[in-house]
Amino acid sequence: MAAFRLFLFFFFLLFYLQPSRSHESCHPGCDLLVPIHFPFQMMRNPPENRCGYDGFTVTCKNETRNIITFPFSGDFVIDSISYFSQRISITDPGNCIARRLLQGFNYSDTPFQPLDTRNFTFLNCTSDAPVFQSPGGVSPIPCLSSESHSFVALPTKRVGASNTSSCTEVVTFMHPSLDDSIKDSILLTWKEPDCGRCESDGGFCQYRYDTSSEVSCFTPFDYGLPKYERYTVFVIVSTGLCIVLFIIIIRRKIQSQGEESETEISRSTNTSQLENVAAKGLDSPTIKMYPTTVVDESLQLPKPTDNVCPICLLEYKANDILRTIPSCAHYFHVHCIDEWLKRNATCPLCRN
């Protein structure tokens, strides 16, 4: 068995001694609910660790909040990150995103861009302005309003159709939004590096080598080896393994029949383990057994505070169909979680 053990030693050594650095050496951030990893990186990480991509640097505030800085708009709190849909939700540290929009939100010189945009107009109105009394009227923005005046934001296309007497137009601006309302956060996306498919398959991205700008996808079983090189190494190592096993079997047959049987059982066990590692995801019948619910008009949810799909980061709306994972009670849009479960047999939130 000495030859076989020596072969296994070099087999695992080949995977561990790759030039790309492990992502586990990078700081995970200061907010446990929003883990930070590639392409994002904490500023406190040493540059030689190469933990993130240019433009994705994050800092800590009070050791509890992850902060990202836009060159022309300042600091924002990272509310959530979806690595598989490549979306980031940011909010104002002072809890007044409307004020930041009024000052002018500029995402230039960043890797981020909006999913969609809408034209909005800020109005400065008296507290009893008709715009607040009309059917389907708007509500004042609390963090900008006072007893004597109220700020509102209307989609520009609705300004002409609304009774805006007693109101003064302040500014018209382009706002990153998927609908005709201003939320408490801003949803953005990024295109480069493109790691969404890698993340949805249960892997992670990082630089291919310590001195390379090329990004590759890795899985927990790669030990730092890029996928296409892993296949080449697998063929070489498998061939060598077969030769070594053949020699061992011949020698054991000469020595004793009992040791030959032991070798065959060991090889069978190794093959079984490799097959188990390869199995991932759930089949469609199993996925469809997970319970579903339809969001009613009152937007009642199993957990009222969990009103955003963790995969696409969009709020649940009336008539949306949700699927729940029974073991942990986490729920998601059906089309989001079904696609995830086809590739992964774990919950995307708790990984159970």
Protein backbone atom coordinates (compact mmCIF):
# COMPACT_ATOMS: atom_id res chain seq x y z
CA MET A 1 0.00 0.00 0.00
CA ALA A 2 3.04 2.34 0.20
CA ALA A 3 2.90 3.12 -3.54
CA PHE A 4 -0.81 3.84 -3.39
CA ARG A 5 -0.42 6.20 -0.42
CA LEU A 6 2.42 8.02 -2.16
CA PHE A 7 0.24 8.49 -5.25
CA LEU A 8 -2.63 9.88 -3.17
CA PHE A 9 -0.23 12.29 -1.48
CA PHE A 10 0.82 13.82 -4.81
CA PHE A 11 -2.79 13.71 -6.05
CA PHE A 12 -4.05 16.00 -3.28
CA LEU A 13 -0.85 18.06 -3.29
CA LEU A 14 -1.52 18.92 -6.95
CA PHE A 15 -4.86 20.51 -6.02
CA TYR A 16 -3.65 22.39 -2.96
CA LEU A 17 -0.56 23.95 -4.54
CA GLN A 18 -2.38 26.04 -7.15
CA PRO A 19 -1.25 29.65 -7.67
CA SER A 20 -4.73 31.18 -7.18
CA ARG A 21 -5.42 32.28 -3.61
CA SER A 22 -8.36 30.88 -1.62
CA HIS A 23 -11.36 33.17 -1.17
CA GLU A 24 -11.52 32.06 2.46
CA SER A 25 -8.59 34.40 3.31
CA CYS A 26 -10.78 37.44 2.54
CA HIS A 27 -12.72 39.36 5.21
CA PRO A 28 -16.49 38.59 5.03
CA GLY A 29 -17.66 42.10 5.99
CA CYS A 30 -19.10 43.64 9.13
CA ASP A 31 -22.80 42.83 8.57
CA LEU A 32 -23.50 39.11 9.05
CA LEU A 33 -26.77 39.44 7.07
CA VAL A 34 -24.93 40.79 4.00
CA PRO A 35 -21.80 38.64 3.49
CA ILE A 36 -19.08 40.22 1.37
CA HIS A 37 -17.13 38.15 -1.15
CA PHE A 38 -15.88 38.41 -4.75
CA PRO A 39 -16.42 40.63 -6.71
CA PHE A 40 -16.87 42.76 -3.57
CA GLN A 41 -13.99 43.15 -1.14
CA MET A 42 -13.39 44.85 2.17
CA MET A 43 -10.90 47.73 2.14
CA ARG A 44 -9.13 46.15 5.12
CA ASN A 45 -8.08 43.15 3.00
CA PRO A 46 -4.38 43.23 2.03
CA PRO A 47 -3.98 44.09 -1.69
CA GLU A 48 -1.97 40.93 -2.29
CA ASN A 49 -5.00 38.80 -1.38
CA ARG A 50 -6.81 40.12 -4.48
CA CYS A 51 -10.19 39.53 -2.87
CA GLY A 52 -12.32 41.68 -5.16
CA TYR A 53 -12.83 43.40 -8.50
CA ASP A 54 -12.11 47.07 -9.21
CA GLY A 55 -14.97 49.34 -8.15
CA PHE A 56 -16.44 46.89 -5.61
CA THR A 57 -14.57 48.06 -2.48
CA VAL A 58 -16.60 48.09 0.77
CA THR A 59 -15.83 49.73 4.12
CA CYS A 60 -17.27 49.31 7.62
CA LYS A 61 -19.24 51.82 9.66
CA ASN A 62 -19.46 51.24 13.41
CA GLU A 63 -18.40 47.65 12.65
CA THR A 64 -22.05 46.80 11.90
CA ARG A 65 -22.85 48.22 8.44
CA ASN A 66 -21.25 47.63 5.06
CA ILE A 67 -20.68 50.92 3.22
CA ILE A 68 -20.03 51.40 -0.51
CA THR A 69 -18.86 54.78 -1.82
CA PHE A 70 -19.91 56.29 -5.15
CA PRO A 71 -17.37 58.88 -6.44
CA PHE A 72 -20.01 61.52 -7.25
CA SER A 73 -22.77 60.66 -4.74
CA GLY A 74 -21.01 59.65 -1.52
CA ASP A 75 -21.59 56.81 0.91
CA PHE A 76 -24.48 54.32 0.89
CA VAL A 77 -25.36 51.42 3.16
CA ILE A 78 -25.50 48.03 1.43
CA ASP A 79 -28.96 46.71 2.26
CA SER A 80 -28.65 43.40 0.42
CA ILE A 81 -26.66 41.66 -2.34
CA SER A 82 -27.87 38.90 -4.66
CA TYR A 83 -24.75 37.35 -6.12
CA PHE A 84 -26.62 34.96 -8.45
CA SER A 85 -28.84 37.69 -9.98
CA GLN A 86 -25.98 40.25 -9.69
CA ARG A 87 -28.07 42.91 -7.95
CA ILE A 88 -27.29 45.23 -5.05
CA SER A 89 -29.76 47.22 -2.97
CA ILE A 90 -28.38 50.39 -1.32
CA THR A 91 -29.95 52.87 1.07
CA ASP A 92 -29.08 56.17 2.71
CA PRO A 93 -27.16 56.03 6.05
CA GLY A 94 -29.44 58.85 7.23
CA ASN A 95 -32.62 56.96 6.21
CA CYS A 96 -33.67 59.58 3.65
CA ILE A 97 -33.05 58.26 0.15
CA ALA A 98 -35.28 61.04 -1.27
CA ARG A 99 -32.83 63.70 -0.06
CA ARG A 100 -29.99 61.90 -1.84
CA LEU A 101 -32.06 61.87 -5.03
CA LEU A 102 -32.86 65.57 -4.61
CA GLN A 103 -29.12 66.28 -4.32
CA GLY A 104 -28.52 64.31 -7.51
CA PHE A 105 -27.79 60.57 -7.60
CA ASN A 106 -24.87 59.80 -9.93
CA TYR A 107 -23.53 56.28 -10.44
CA SER A 108 -20.86 57.30 -12.98
CA ASP A 109 -17.40 55.74 -12.62
CA THR A 110 -18.89 52.72 -10.85
CA PRO A 111 -19.52 49.20 -12.22
CA PHE A 112 -23.22 49.55 -11.37
CA GLN A 113 -26.23 50.54 -13.45
CA PRO A 114 -30.00 50.56 -12.92
CA LEU A 115 -32.28 47.76 -14.08
CA ASP A 116 -34.65 50.45 -15.37
CA THR A 117 -35.23 54.19 -14.90
CA ARG A 118 -38.22 56.52 -14.53
CA ASN A 119 -38.53 60.32 -14.76
CA PHE A 120 -39.72 61.85 -11.46
CA THR A 121 -40.50 65.43 -10.47
CA PHE A 122 -40.04 66.79 -6.93
CA LEU A 123 -42.77 69.21 -5.83
CA ASN A 124 -42.77 71.56 -2.83
CA CYS A 125 -46.40 71.89 -1.70
CA THR A 126 -48.36 73.46 1.11
CA SER A 127 -49.58 70.96 3.69
CA ASP A 128 -53.19 71.25 2.46
CA ALA A 129 -52.44 71.10 -1.27
CA PRO A 130 -55.14 69.40 -3.42
CA VAL A 131 -52.65 66.80 -4.62
CA PHE A 132 -52.97 65.15 -1.19
CA GLN A 133 -56.78 65.09 -1.32
CA SER A 134 -57.45 63.73 -4.81
CA PRO A 135 -58.28 60.03 -5.35
CA GLY A 136 -55.10 58.08 -5.67
CA GLY A 137 -53.26 61.03 -4.18
CA VAL A 138 -49.70 60.86 -2.97
CA SER A 139 -48.24 61.07 0.50
CA PRO A 140 -45.61 63.61 1.56
CA ILE A 141 -42.03 62.45 2.04
CA PRO A 142 -41.60 62.54 5.86
CA CYS A 143 -37.84 63.15 5.99
CA LEU A 144 -38.12 66.24 3.72
CA SER A 145 -41.40 67.72 4.98
CA SER A 146 -42.33 70.02 7.87
CA GLU A 147 -45.53 71.51 9.31
CA SER A 148 -45.51 74.37 6.79
CA HIS A 149 -44.62 72.51 3.60
CA SER A 150 -44.54 69.01 2.19
CA PHE A 151 -42.28 67.48 -0.43
CA VAL A 152 -43.69 64.91 -2.84
CA ALA A 153 -42.27 63.03 -5.80
CA LEU A 154 -44.50 62.24 -8.77
CA PRO A 155 -43.75 60.41 -12.01
CA THR A 156 -43.22 63.25 -14.45
CA LYS A 157 -45.85 61.82 -16.81
CA ARG A 158 -48.48 62.24 -14.04
CA VAL A 159 -47.66 65.84 -13.11
CA GLY A 160 -49.82 67.34 -15.86
CA ALA A 161 -52.77 65.11 -14.98
CA SER A 162 -52.61 65.86 -11.22
CA ASN A 163 -53.96 68.89 -9.37
CA THR A 164 -50.65 70.47 -8.44
CA SER A 165 -51.97 73.88 -7.46
CA SER A 166 -50.28 75.14 -4.28
CA CYS A 167 -47.19 73.20 -5.41
CA THR A 168 -43.93 74.39 -6.92
CA GLU A 169 -41.80 72.20 -9.14
CA VAL A 170 -38.31 71.84 -7.67
CA VAL A 171 -36.46 69.51 -10.02
CA THR A 172 -37.02 66.70 -12.53
CA PHE A 173 -34.60 63.79 -12.44
CA MET A 174 -34.02 60.25 -13.70
CA HIS A 175 -34.45 57.68 -10.91
CA PRO A 176 -33.42 53.98 -10.97
CA SER A 177 -36.80 52.32 -10.45
CA LEU A 178 -38.87 49.41 -11.75
CA ASP A 179 -42.20 51.16 -11.10
CA ASP A 180 -43.71 54.62 -10.57
CA SER A 181 -42.73 54.98 -6.91
CA ILE A 182 -39.67 55.91 -4.88
CA LYS A 183 -38.65 53.19 -2.43
CA ASP A 184 -36.46 53.43 0.66
CA SER A 185 -33.61 51.87 -1.30
CA ILE A 186 -32.08 51.90 -4.79
CA LEU A 187 -31.73 48.67 -6.76
CA LEU A 188 -28.75 48.39 -9.13
CA THR A 189 -27.07 45.63 -11.10
CA TRP A 190 -23.62 44.91 -12.54
CA LYS A 191 -22.50 43.08 -15.69
CA GLU A 192 -18.76 42.58 -15.11
CA PRO A 193 -17.52 40.27 -13.78
CA ASP A 194 -20.28 37.92 -14.93
CA CYS A 195 -20.47 35.36 -12.10
CA GLY A 196 -24.25 34.88 -11.80
CA ARG A 197 -24.32 31.42 -13.39
CA CYS A 198 -21.30 30.33 -11.34
CA GLU A 199 -23.01 31.43 -8.09
CA SER A 200 -26.32 29.76 -9.01
CA ASP A 201 -24.41 26.51 -9.60
CA GLY A 202 -23.05 26.66 -6.05
CA GLY A 203 -19.60 27.97 -7.03
CA PHE A 204 -17.74 31.23 -6.54
CA CYS A 205 -15.56 33.49 -8.67
CA GLN A 206 -12.05 34.72 -8.02
CA TYR A 207 -8.95 35.62 -9.97
CA ARG A 208 -7.51 32.67 -11.81
CA TYR A 209 -3.95 33.33 -10.61
CA ASP A 210 -2.26 35.79 -8.25
CA THR A 211 -0.88 37.85 -11.14
CA SER A 212 -3.72 37.43 -13.64
CA SER A 213 -6.69 39.72 -14.32
CA GLU A 214 -8.73 36.77 -15.64
CA VAL A 215 -11.66 35.67 -13.46
CA SER A 216 -12.62 31.99 -13.24
CA CYS A 217 -15.41 30.00 -11.62
CA PHE A 218 -14.53 27.59 -8.81
CA THR A 219 -16.50 25.06 -6.78
CA PRO A 220 -15.77 23.85 -3.22
CA PHE A 221 -14.21 20.72 -4.77
CA ASP A 222 -11.83 22.57 -7.10
CA TYR A 223 -9.27 23.60 -4.44
CA GLY A 224 -8.23 26.54 -6.56
CA LEU A 225 -8.12 24.79 -9.96
CA PRO A 226 -10.08 26.34 -12.89
CA LYS A 227 -12.75 24.08 -14.37
CA TYR A 228 -11.26 23.36 -17.79
CA GLU A 229 -7.85 22.60 -16.24
CA ARG A 230 -9.53 20.36 -13.67
CA TYR A 231 -10.81 18.11 -16.46
CA THR A 232 -7.32 17.80 -17.97
CA VAL A 233 -5.82 16.98 -14.59
CA PHE A 234 -8.62 14.50 -13.92
CA VAL A 235 -7.78 12.54 -17.08
CA ILE A 236 -4.07 12.48 -16.26
CA VAL A 237 -4.57 11.56 -12.63
CA SER A 238 -7.22 8.95 -13.45
CA THR A 239 -4.86 7.26 -15.92
CA GLY A 240 -2.09 7.21 -13.37
CA LEU A 241 -4.46 5.96 -10.71
CA CYS A 242 -5.57 3.09 -12.93
CA ILE A 243 -1.96 2.07 -13.57
CA VAL A 244 -1.10 2.17 -9.88
CA LEU A 245 -4.23 0.24 -8.97
CA PHE A 246 -3.46 -2.37 -11.61
CA ILE A 247 0.04 -2.90 -10.19
CA ILE A 248 -1.32 -3.10 -6.65
CA ILE A 249 -3.99 -5.63 -7.65
CA ILE A 250 -1.44 -7.86 -9.39
CA ARG A 251 0.86 -7.76 -6.38
CA ARG A 252 -1.95 -8.46 -3.96
CA LYS A 253 -3.15 -11.40 -6.04
CA ILE A 254 0.27 -12.91 -5.76
CA GLN A 255 0.38 -12.33 -2.00
CA SER A 256 -3.12 -13.34 -1.00
CA GLN A 257 -6.69 -13.53 -2.25
CA GLY A 258 -7.94 -11.74 0.84
CA GLU A 259 -5.92 -8.57 0.19
CA GLU A 260 -7.17 -8.54 -3.40
CA SER A 261 -10.76 -8.45 -2.13
CA GLU A 262 -9.91 -5.59 0.21
CA THR A 263 -8.47 -3.58 -2.68
CA GLU A 264 -11.59 -4.14 -4.81
CA ILE A 265 -13.87 -3.00 -1.97
CA SER A 266 -11.77 0.14 -1.49
CA ARG A 267 -11.97 1.00 -5.19
CA SER A 268 -15.75 0.43 -5.20
CA THR A 269 -16.14 2.73 -2.19
CA ASN A 270 -14.09 5.48 -3.86
CA THR A 271 -16.19 5.24 -7.04
CA SER A 272 -19.38 5.47 -4.99
CA GLN A 273 -18.12 8.58 -3.20
CA LEU A 274 -17.28 10.28 -6.50
CA GLU A 275 -20.77 9.53 -7.81
CA ASN A 276 -22.34 10.99 -4.67
CA VAL A 277 -20.28 14.18 -5.02
CA ALA A 278 -21.44 14.54 -8.63
CA ALA A 279 -25.14 14.43 -7.71
CA LYS A 280 -26.65 17.89 -7.41
CA GLY A 281 -30.07 19.47 -7.60
CA LEU A 282 -33.61 18.13 -7.42
CA ASP A 283 -35.84 16.74 -10.14
CA SER A 284 -39.02 18.53 -11.20
CA PRO A 285 -41.49 16.14 -9.45
CA THR A 286 -39.69 16.65 -6.15
CA ILE A 287 -39.61 20.44 -6.56
CA LYS A 288 -43.34 20.55 -7.37
CA MET A 289 -44.07 18.70 -4.09
CA TYR A 290 -42.92 21.78 -2.16
CA PRO A 291 -46.00 23.82 -1.13
CA THR A 292 -46.99 26.99 -2.97
CA THR A 293 -49.11 29.99 -1.97
CA VAL A 294 -50.61 32.86 -3.93
CA VAL A 295 -50.20 36.38 -2.53
CA ASP A 296 -53.65 37.91 -2.07
CA GLU A 297 -54.66 41.53 -2.62
CA SER A 298 -53.95 42.38 1.05
CA LEU A 299 -50.34 41.21 0.55
CA GLN A 300 -50.51 38.90 3.56
CA LEU A 301 -47.31 36.84 3.74
CA PRO A 302 -46.22 33.96 6.03
CA LYS A 303 -43.65 36.35 7.51
CA PRO A 304 -44.76 40.00 7.07
CA THR A 305 -41.16 41.26 7.37
CA ASP A 306 -39.94 38.93 4.59
CA ASN A 307 -41.56 40.84 1.72
CA VAL A 308 -38.68 40.65 -0.77
CA CYS A 309 -37.60 37.60 -2.78
CA PRO A 310 -33.97 36.91 -1.69
CA ILE A 311 -33.09 35.69 -5.21
CA CYS A 312 -34.31 38.51 -7.48
CA LEU A 313 -34.58 41.18 -4.71
CA LEU A 314 -38.04 42.26 -5.94
CA GLU A 315 -40.96 42.85 -3.56
CA TYR A 316 -43.79 40.36 -3.57
CA LYS A 317 -46.95 41.64 -5.26
CA ALA A 318 -50.56 40.53 -5.39
CA ASN A 319 -51.10 37.29 -7.36
CA ASP A 320 -47.41 36.34 -7.13
CA ILE A 321 -46.94 32.58 -6.63
CA LEU A 322 -44.51 31.65 -3.84
CA ARG A 323 -42.91 28.30 -3.10
CA THR A 324 -41.83 27.37 0.44
CA ILE A 325 -38.98 25.04 1.40
CA PRO A 326 -40.56 22.95 4.21
CA SER A 327 -37.38 22.21 6.17
CA CYS A 328 -36.59 25.89 6.87
CA ALA A 329 -39.87 27.72 5.94
CA HIS A 330 -38.06 30.15 3.61
CA TYR A 331 -40.13 31.16 0.59
CA PHE A 332 -39.37 32.63 -2.83
CA HIS A 333 -40.92 33.40 -6.21
CA VAL A 334 -41.74 30.07 -7.89
CA HIS A 335 -39.76 30.85 -11.04
CA CYS A 336 -36.74 31.92 -8.96
CA ILE A 337 -36.54 28.99 -6.52
CA ASP A 338 -37.42 26.33 -9.12
CA GLU A 339 -34.44 27.35 -11.25
CA TRP A 340 -32.21 27.32 -8.15
CA LEU A 341 -33.37 23.86 -6.95
CA LYS A 342 -32.71 22.32 -10.36
CA ARG A 343 -29.00 23.01 -9.76
CA ASN A 344 -28.79 22.93 -5.96
CA ALA A 345 -30.44 20.74 -3.33
CA THR A 346 -30.11 23.39 -0.62
CA CYS A 347 -31.95 26.54 0.43
CA PRO A 348 -30.20 29.60 -1.12
CA LEU A 349 -30.57 31.47 2.19
CA CYS A 350 -29.58 29.01 4.94
CA ARG A 351 -27.97 26.36 2.68
CA ASN A 352 -29.84 23.59 4.57
